[in-house]
Amino acid sequence: MFVRHPHHPGWGVGQVQSRVGSLVTVNFPDEGKKVINGDVVTLEIVYSF
């Protein structure tokens, strides 16, 4: 699944690596891996398999 962070559009489109509970690890091309709390931030889905 590919997503965007709504508060950081400059990070570009990131690929979801894993999800454990509400924690989502996303690999963004320029920012690297970020762990995002899905309870706080709703990621925008760009593409899903």
Protein backbone atom coordinates (compact mmCIF):
# COMPACT_ATOMS: atom_id res chain seq x y z
CA MET A 1 0.00 0.00 0.00
CA PHE A 2 1.25 3.49 -0.84
CA VAL A 3 0.23 6.49 1.26
CA ARG A 4 0.76 10.19 1.86
CA HIS A 5 1.03 11.91 5.21
CA PRO A 6 -1.59 14.69 5.23
CA HIS A 7 0.53 17.03 7.40
CA HIS A 8 3.78 16.44 5.48
CA PRO A 9 3.00 16.38 1.74
CA GLY A 10 6.65 17.13 0.99
CA TRP A 11 7.55 13.63 2.17
CA GLY A 12 5.96 12.31 -1.02
CA VAL A 13 4.36 8.91 -1.43
CA GLY A 14 5.55 6.29 1.02
CA GLN A 15 5.20 2.52 1.05
CA VAL A 16 3.67 0.91 4.12
CA GLN A 17 6.13 -1.60 5.57
CA SER A 18 4.13 -2.91 8.53
CA ARG A 19 1.28 -2.24 10.93
CA VAL A 20 1.20 -3.33 14.56
CA GLY A 21 -1.97 -2.20 16.28
CA SER A 22 -2.29 1.49 15.48
CA LEU A 23 1.41 1.97 14.67
CA VAL A 24 2.17 2.08 10.95
CA THR A 25 5.73 2.01 9.60
CA VAL A 26 6.03 3.83 6.28
CA ASN A 27 9.12 4.18 4.09
CA PHE A 28 9.15 7.63 2.45
CA PRO A 29 11.62 8.17 -0.43
CA ASP A 30 13.33 11.29 0.98
CA GLU A 31 12.53 10.99 4.70
CA GLY A 32 13.21 7.30 5.26
CA LYS A 33 11.19 5.14 7.63
CA LYS A 34 8.68 6.82 9.90
CA VAL A 35 6.46 5.20 12.54
CA ILE A 36 3.06 6.89 12.52
CA ASN A 37 0.31 6.52 15.09
CA GLY A 38 -2.82 5.74 13.09
CA ASP A 39 -4.99 6.86 16.02
CA VAL A 40 -3.63 10.39 15.61
CA VAL A 41 -2.97 10.67 11.86
CA THR A 42 -5.14 9.31 9.06
CA LEU A 43 -2.84 8.50 6.16
CA GLU A 44 -4.16 9.18 2.67
CA ILE A 45 -4.18 6.02 0.55
CA VAL A 46 -2.66 6.62 -2.88
CA TYR A 47 -2.56 3.04 -4.15
CA SER A 48 -3.55 -0.27 -2.62
CA PHE A 49 -2.96 -3.76 -3.99
